[in-house]
Protein backbone atom coordinates (compact mmCIF):
# COMPACT_ATOMS: atom_id res chain seq x y z
CA MET A 1 -3.21 -40.08 -4.83
CA GLY A 2 -5.03 -39.87 -1.62
CA TRP A 3 -5.71 -36.80 0.71
CA GLU A 4 -2.66 -37.17 2.91
CA ALA A 5 -0.33 -37.35 -0.02
CA ARG A 6 -1.96 -34.29 -1.50
CA PHE A 7 -1.92 -32.58 2.17
CA ALA A 8 1.90 -33.47 2.06
CA LEU A 9 2.71 -32.08 -0.91
CA GLY A 10 0.78 -29.09 -0.22
CA VAL A 11 3.00 -28.34 2.95
CA GLU A 12 6.14 -29.09 0.78
CA GLU A 13 4.73 -26.27 -1.38
CA VAL A 14 3.87 -23.78 1.30
CA LYS A 15 7.51 -24.57 2.72
CA ASN A 16 9.48 -24.02 0.11
CA ILE A 17 7.32 -20.81 -1.16
CA LEU A 18 7.79 -19.37 2.28
CA GLY A 19 11.57 -20.34 2.34
CA LYS A 20 12.40 -18.33 -0.82
CA ILE A 21 10.00 -15.20 0.43
CA TRP A 22 10.75 -14.82 4.41
CA PRO A 23 13.56 -12.57 3.86
CA TYR A 24 11.85 -10.24 1.54
CA VAL A 25 9.11 -9.93 3.96
CA LEU A 26 11.19 -8.73 6.69
CA LEU A 27 12.53 -6.50 4.46
CA GLY A 28 9.25 -4.90 3.79
CA ILE A 29 8.12 -4.73 7.07
CA GLY A 30 11.54 -3.31 8.36
CA LEU A 31 11.32 -0.67 5.60
CA GLY A 32 7.86 0.51 6.12
CA ALA A 33 8.54 0.79 9.90
CA VAL A 34 11.05 3.02 9.15
CA ILE A 35 9.32 5.11 6.21
CA HIS A 36 6.21 5.07 8.75
CA GLY A 37 8.46 6.65 11.61
CA TRP A 38 10.19 8.86 9.51
CA VAL A 39 7.54 10.68 7.43
CA PRO A 40 6.14 13.75 9.58
CA ALA A 41 2.47 14.30 9.16
CA GLU A 42 3.32 17.86 8.33
CA LEU A 43 4.97 17.00 5.20
CA PHE A 44 1.78 14.92 4.07
CA ALA A 45 -0.56 18.25 4.77
CA ARG A 46 2.18 20.61 2.70
CA TYR A 47 1.86 18.54 -0.10
CA ALA A 48 -1.31 16.73 0.05
CA GLY A 49 -3.47 19.93 1.45
CA ALA A 50 -7.10 20.96 0.34
CA ASP A 51 -5.30 24.07 -1.96
CA ASN A 52 -3.08 21.48 -4.05
CA PRO A 53 -4.74 19.88 -7.21
CA LEU A 54 -2.33 17.24 -7.28
CA ALA A 55 -3.08 16.36 -3.87
CA VAL A 56 -4.74 12.56 -4.74
CA PRO A 57 -1.85 11.55 -6.52
CA VAL A 58 0.84 13.03 -3.86
CA ALA A 59 -1.43 11.11 -1.51
CA VAL A 60 -1.16 7.66 -3.90
CA LEU A 61 2.72 8.14 -3.94
CA LEU A 62 3.13 8.92 -0.23
CA GLY A 63 1.16 6.05 0.72
CA ILE A 64 3.29 3.55 -1.50
CA PRO A 65 6.57 3.27 0.70
CA LEU A 66 4.60 2.34 3.76
CA TYR A 67 3.52 -1.23 5.01
CA SER A 68 0.00 -1.13 6.88
CA ASN A 69 -3.44 -2.40 6.60
CA ALA A 70 -6.65 -0.64 6.65
CA ALA A 71 -7.03 -0.40 10.29
CA GLY A 72 -3.21 0.24 11.17
CA ILE A 73 -3.26 3.53 8.93
CA LEU A 74 -6.09 4.82 10.37
CA PRO A 75 -5.17 6.65 13.58
CA LEU A 76 -2.52 8.59 10.70
CA VAL A 77 -5.59 9.10 9.00
CA GLU A 78 -7.10 10.64 11.62
CA VAL A 79 -4.64 13.00 12.54
CA LEU A 80 -4.14 14.10 8.52
CA HIS A 81 -7.81 14.41 8.72
CA GLN A 82 -7.66 17.22 11.89
CA LYS A 83 -5.10 18.97 9.77
CA GLY A 84 -7.74 19.45 6.88
CA ILE A 85 -6.57 17.43 4.63
CA PRO A 86 -9.81 16.30 2.39
CA MET A 87 -11.28 13.03 2.72
CA GLY A 88 -11.08 11.91 -0.90
CA THR A 89 -7.29 12.33 -0.69
CA LEU A 90 -7.10 10.35 2.72
CA LEU A 91 -8.94 7.89 1.06
CA SER A 92 -6.65 7.47 -1.68
CA PHE A 93 -3.84 7.55 0.76
CA MET A 94 -5.30 4.80 2.88
CA MET A 95 -6.17 2.64 -0.48
CA ALA A 96 -2.57 2.97 -2.23
CA VAL A 97 -0.90 2.10 1.23
CA VAL A 98 -3.05 -1.06 1.62
CA ALA A 99 -3.37 -2.21 -2.22
CA LEU A 100 -0.03 -0.70 -3.66
CA SER A 101 2.70 -0.67 -0.81
CA LEU A 102 6.48 -1.25 -1.75
CA PRO A 103 6.94 -4.17 0.34
CA GLU A 104 4.10 -5.91 -1.20
CA MET A 105 5.29 -5.32 -4.67
CA ILE A 106 8.92 -6.64 -3.35
CA LEU A 107 7.02 -9.99 -2.36
CA LEU A 108 5.38 -10.09 -5.93
CA ARG A 109 8.07 -9.47 -7.42
CA GLN A 110 9.48 -13.13 -6.08
CA VAL A 111 6.29 -14.68 -8.07
CA LEU A 112 5.25 -12.31 -10.93
CA LYS A 113 7.05 -10.59 -13.75
CA LEU A 114 7.93 -6.86 -13.48
CA ARG A 115 5.69 -6.17 -16.42
CA LEU A 116 2.84 -7.33 -14.88
CA ILE A 117 3.57 -5.56 -11.34
CA ALA A 118 3.59 -2.16 -13.21
CA ILE A 119 0.50 -3.04 -14.90
CA TRP A 120 -1.05 -3.89 -11.96
CA VAL A 121 0.51 -0.86 -10.29
CA LEU A 122 -0.76 1.56 -13.04
CA VAL A 123 -4.49 -0.03 -13.19
CA VAL A 124 -4.96 -0.02 -9.63
CA GLY A 125 -3.31 3.32 -9.05
CA LEU A 126 -5.52 5.20 -11.53
CA GLY A 127 -8.52 3.55 -9.98
CA ILE A 128 -7.57 5.12 -6.44
CA GLY A 129 -6.61 8.37 -7.98
CA LEU A 130 -10.20 8.32 -9.80
CA THR A 131 -11.81 7.45 -6.53
CA GLY A 132 -10.34 9.99 -4.60
CA TYR A 133 -11.17 12.91 -7.19
CA LEU A 134 -14.66 11.51 -7.38
CA PHE A 135 -14.93 11.59 -3.25
CA ASN A 136 -13.22 15.27 -2.97
CA ALA A 137 -15.72 16.22 -5.37
CA VAL A 138 -18.84 14.76 -3.72
CA LEU A 139 -17.94 15.82 0.00
């Protein structure tokens, strides 16, 4: 089989995959936009503040429904930092938004079994939480 035939098969496979997931991409982006505009910074500051020992897990849980990239979440992180949220908590929030976003998991559900997604969330969530607590202890 020549490269042209392999390329054509690759293009067909991409079309097939995109045809299956495009509604979920739109749903995920829409859900993230609604939640991003709905959750006020004061709510985050109240439940993930420096005086709450569970601030890091709260930050991770609040970050999961959002859909953004690291650069897109920075303005919100800056506002939260000005409100006194510790840097480790903010780092955990930012990593959860990028790595554990609900819209991303909706997309992954199309190609991965639910058990594997649950293991991913558990392992990555624990790593993010430990990183947040470590940075809070050091900074």
